[in-house]
N, C-alpha and C. Protein backbone atom coordinates (compact mmCIF):
# COMPACT_ATOMS: atom_id res chain seq x y z
N UNK A 1 -18.14 -11.99 13.37
CA UNK A 1 -17.26 -13.11 13.54
C UNK A 1 -16.01 -12.59 14.22
N UNK A 2 -15.62 -13.13 15.39
CA UNK A 2 -14.46 -12.63 16.14
C UNK A 2 -13.23 -12.71 15.29
N UNK A 3 -12.96 -13.80 14.62
CA UNK A 3 -11.66 -13.93 13.88
C UNK A 3 -11.56 -12.95 12.77
N UNK A 4 -12.66 -12.63 12.05
CA UNK A 4 -12.56 -11.56 11.01
C UNK A 4 -12.35 -10.18 11.65
N UNK A 5 -13.03 -9.94 12.72
CA UNK A 5 -12.84 -8.63 13.42
C UNK A 5 -11.35 -8.49 13.89
N UNK A 6 -10.81 -9.51 14.44
CA UNK A 6 -9.44 -9.45 14.92
C UNK A 6 -8.48 -9.30 13.79
N UNK A 7 -8.69 -10.01 12.66
CA UNK A 7 -7.87 -9.83 11.47
C UNK A 7 -7.93 -8.42 10.96
N UNK A 8 -9.12 -7.82 10.84
CA UNK A 8 -9.22 -6.46 10.40
C UNK A 8 -8.50 -5.46 11.29
N UNK A 9 -8.62 -5.63 12.61
CA UNK A 9 -8.01 -4.82 13.58
C UNK A 9 -6.42 -4.89 13.42
N UNK A 10 -5.92 -6.15 13.36
CA UNK A 10 -4.45 -6.34 13.24
C UNK A 10 -3.96 -5.82 11.87
N UNK A 11 -4.71 -5.94 10.80
CA UNK A 11 -4.36 -5.41 9.51
C UNK A 11 -4.23 -3.97 9.57
N UNK A 12 -5.21 -3.32 10.16
CA UNK A 12 -5.18 -1.82 10.26
C UNK A 12 -4.00 -1.31 11.06
N UNK A 13 -3.65 -2.01 12.18
CA UNK A 13 -2.52 -1.65 13.00
C UNK A 13 -1.24 -1.80 12.23
N UNK A 14 -1.09 -2.87 11.43
CA UNK A 14 0.08 -3.15 10.71
C UNK A 14 0.27 -2.07 9.58
N UNK A 15 -0.77 -1.74 8.91
CA UNK A 15 -0.72 -0.70 7.85
C UNK A 15 -0.29 0.65 8.46
N UNK A 16 -0.92 1.00 9.60
CA UNK A 16 -0.53 2.31 10.21
C UNK A 16 0.94 2.29 10.66
N UNK A 17 1.37 1.13 11.18
CA UNK A 17 2.74 1.03 11.66
C UNK A 17 3.72 1.11 10.50
N UNK A 18 3.42 0.45 9.42
CA UNK A 18 4.36 0.45 8.23
C UNK A 18 4.34 1.86 7.60
N UNK A 19 3.22 2.54 7.60
CA UNK A 19 3.14 3.87 7.06
C UNK A 19 4.02 4.89 7.77
N UNK A 20 4.30 4.61 9.05
CA UNK A 20 5.19 5.52 9.80
C UNK A 20 6.66 5.17 9.70
N UNK A 21 7.02 4.11 9.05
CA UNK A 21 8.41 3.77 8.87
C UNK A 21 9.12 4.68 7.91
N UNK A 22 10.26 5.21 8.26
CA UNK A 22 10.88 6.12 7.37
C UNK A 22 11.89 5.44 6.33
N UNK A 23 12.18 4.21 6.57
CA UNK A 23 13.07 3.52 5.59
C UNK A 23 12.18 2.70 4.61
N UNK A 24 12.81 2.07 3.74
CA UNK A 24 12.13 1.25 2.75
C UNK A 24 11.64 -0.02 3.43
N UNK A 25 10.58 -0.61 2.88
CA UNK A 25 10.01 -1.82 3.44
C UNK A 25 9.94 -2.85 2.33
N UNK A 26 10.93 -3.74 2.31
CA UNK A 26 10.92 -4.82 1.25
C UNK A 26 9.71 -5.75 1.56
N UNK A 27 9.17 -6.24 0.43
CA UNK A 27 8.07 -7.23 0.57
C UNK A 27 8.49 -8.49 -0.12
N UNK A 28 8.24 -9.67 0.55
CA UNK A 28 8.62 -10.94 -0.02
C UNK A 28 7.32 -11.82 -0.06
N UNK A 29 7.33 -12.80 -0.96
CA UNK A 29 6.27 -13.72 -1.07
C UNK A 29 6.76 -15.12 -0.92
N UNK A 30 5.89 -16.00 -0.41
CA UNK A 30 6.19 -17.41 -0.35
C UNK A 30 4.99 -18.14 -0.86
N UNK A 31 5.14 -19.05 -1.85
CA UNK A 31 4.05 -19.83 -2.47
C UNK A 31 4.21 -21.30 -2.18
N UNK A 32 3.18 -21.99 -1.82
CA UNK A 32 3.21 -23.38 -1.58
C UNK A 32 1.89 -24.04 -1.85
N UNK A 33 1.94 -25.37 -2.08
CA UNK A 33 0.72 -26.18 -2.28
C UNK A 33 0.62 -27.29 -1.21
N UNK A 34 -0.54 -27.46 -0.68
CA UNK A 34 -0.69 -28.56 0.32
C UNK A 34 -0.70 -29.86 -0.43
N UNK A 35 -0.02 -30.86 0.21
CA UNK A 35 0.02 -32.20 -0.42
C UNK A 35 -1.33 -32.90 -0.49
N UNK A 36 -2.02 -32.78 0.58
CA UNK A 36 -3.25 -33.53 0.75
C UNK A 36 -4.44 -32.85 -0.02
N UNK A 37 -4.63 -31.60 0.20
CA UNK A 37 -5.79 -30.88 -0.38
C UNK A 37 -5.52 -30.35 -1.76
N UNK A 38 -4.24 -30.29 -2.15
CA UNK A 38 -3.81 -29.70 -3.46
C UNK A 38 -4.34 -28.31 -3.60
N UNK A 39 -4.27 -27.49 -2.49
CA UNK A 39 -4.62 -26.09 -2.51
C UNK A 39 -3.40 -25.22 -2.53
N UNK A 40 -3.49 -24.14 -3.30
CA UNK A 40 -2.38 -23.23 -3.33
C UNK A 40 -2.49 -22.10 -2.23
N UNK A 41 -1.36 -21.71 -1.67
CA UNK A 41 -1.31 -20.63 -0.68
C UNK A 41 -0.24 -19.65 -1.07
N UNK A 42 -0.42 -18.40 -0.53
CA UNK A 42 0.57 -17.40 -0.70
C UNK A 42 0.69 -16.60 0.60
N UNK A 43 1.90 -16.34 1.06
CA UNK A 43 2.13 -15.52 2.15
C UNK A 43 2.85 -14.27 1.70
N UNK A 44 2.50 -13.07 2.11
CA UNK A 44 3.07 -11.85 1.83
C UNK A 44 3.67 -11.27 3.17
N UNK A 45 4.98 -10.96 3.13
CA UNK A 45 5.64 -10.49 4.36
C UNK A 45 6.36 -9.21 4.12
N UNK A 46 6.22 -8.24 5.04
CA UNK A 46 6.91 -6.99 4.97
C UNK A 46 8.09 -7.10 5.99
N UNK A 47 9.25 -6.65 5.57
CA UNK A 47 10.44 -6.70 6.48
C UNK A 47 11.01 -5.25 6.64
N UNK A 48 11.45 -4.93 7.84
CA UNK A 48 11.96 -3.65 8.10
C UNK A 48 12.77 -3.62 9.39
N UNK A 49 13.53 -2.62 9.60
CA UNK A 49 14.31 -2.48 10.82
C UNK A 49 13.63 -1.34 11.61
N UNK A 50 13.26 -1.57 12.81
CA UNK A 50 12.54 -0.54 13.67
C UNK A 50 13.51 0.45 14.22
N UNK A 51 12.97 1.36 15.01
CA UNK A 51 13.76 2.51 15.51
C UNK A 51 14.87 2.05 16.53
N UNK A 52 14.80 0.83 17.04
CA UNK A 52 15.79 0.31 17.97
C UNK A 52 16.72 -0.68 17.25
N UNK A 53 16.72 -0.65 15.87
CA UNK A 53 17.56 -1.44 15.00
C UNK A 53 17.30 -2.91 15.17
N UNK A 54 16.12 -3.31 15.41
CA UNK A 54 15.65 -4.67 15.47
C UNK A 54 14.96 -5.04 14.19
N UNK A 55 15.38 -6.16 13.54
CA UNK A 55 14.76 -6.62 12.29
C UNK A 55 13.34 -7.14 12.65
N UNK A 56 12.35 -6.69 11.94
CA UNK A 56 10.96 -7.03 12.18
C UNK A 56 10.36 -7.50 10.90
N UNK A 57 9.43 -8.44 10.97
CA UNK A 57 8.68 -9.01 9.83
C UNK A 57 7.24 -9.06 10.24
N UNK A 58 6.37 -8.65 9.27
CA UNK A 58 4.88 -8.66 9.49
C UNK A 58 4.32 -9.48 8.37
N UNK A 59 3.61 -10.53 8.65
CA UNK A 59 2.87 -11.30 7.66
C UNK A 59 1.63 -10.53 7.30
N UNK A 60 1.51 -10.19 6.01
CA UNK A 60 0.36 -9.38 5.63
C UNK A 60 -0.82 -10.27 5.29
């Protein structure tokens, strides 16, 4: 499946990138429930400042 393969590739790239960061990487979560389907969701995001002092966020 193309979507699953793309997800796995992007996940691998994100993990490798974060592993090379020399500073701390705060992790935040966001929880919500859809009104119509009554399904729960959670987003996990890593935040960091890159080598050019730009704030970056990666949704895990």
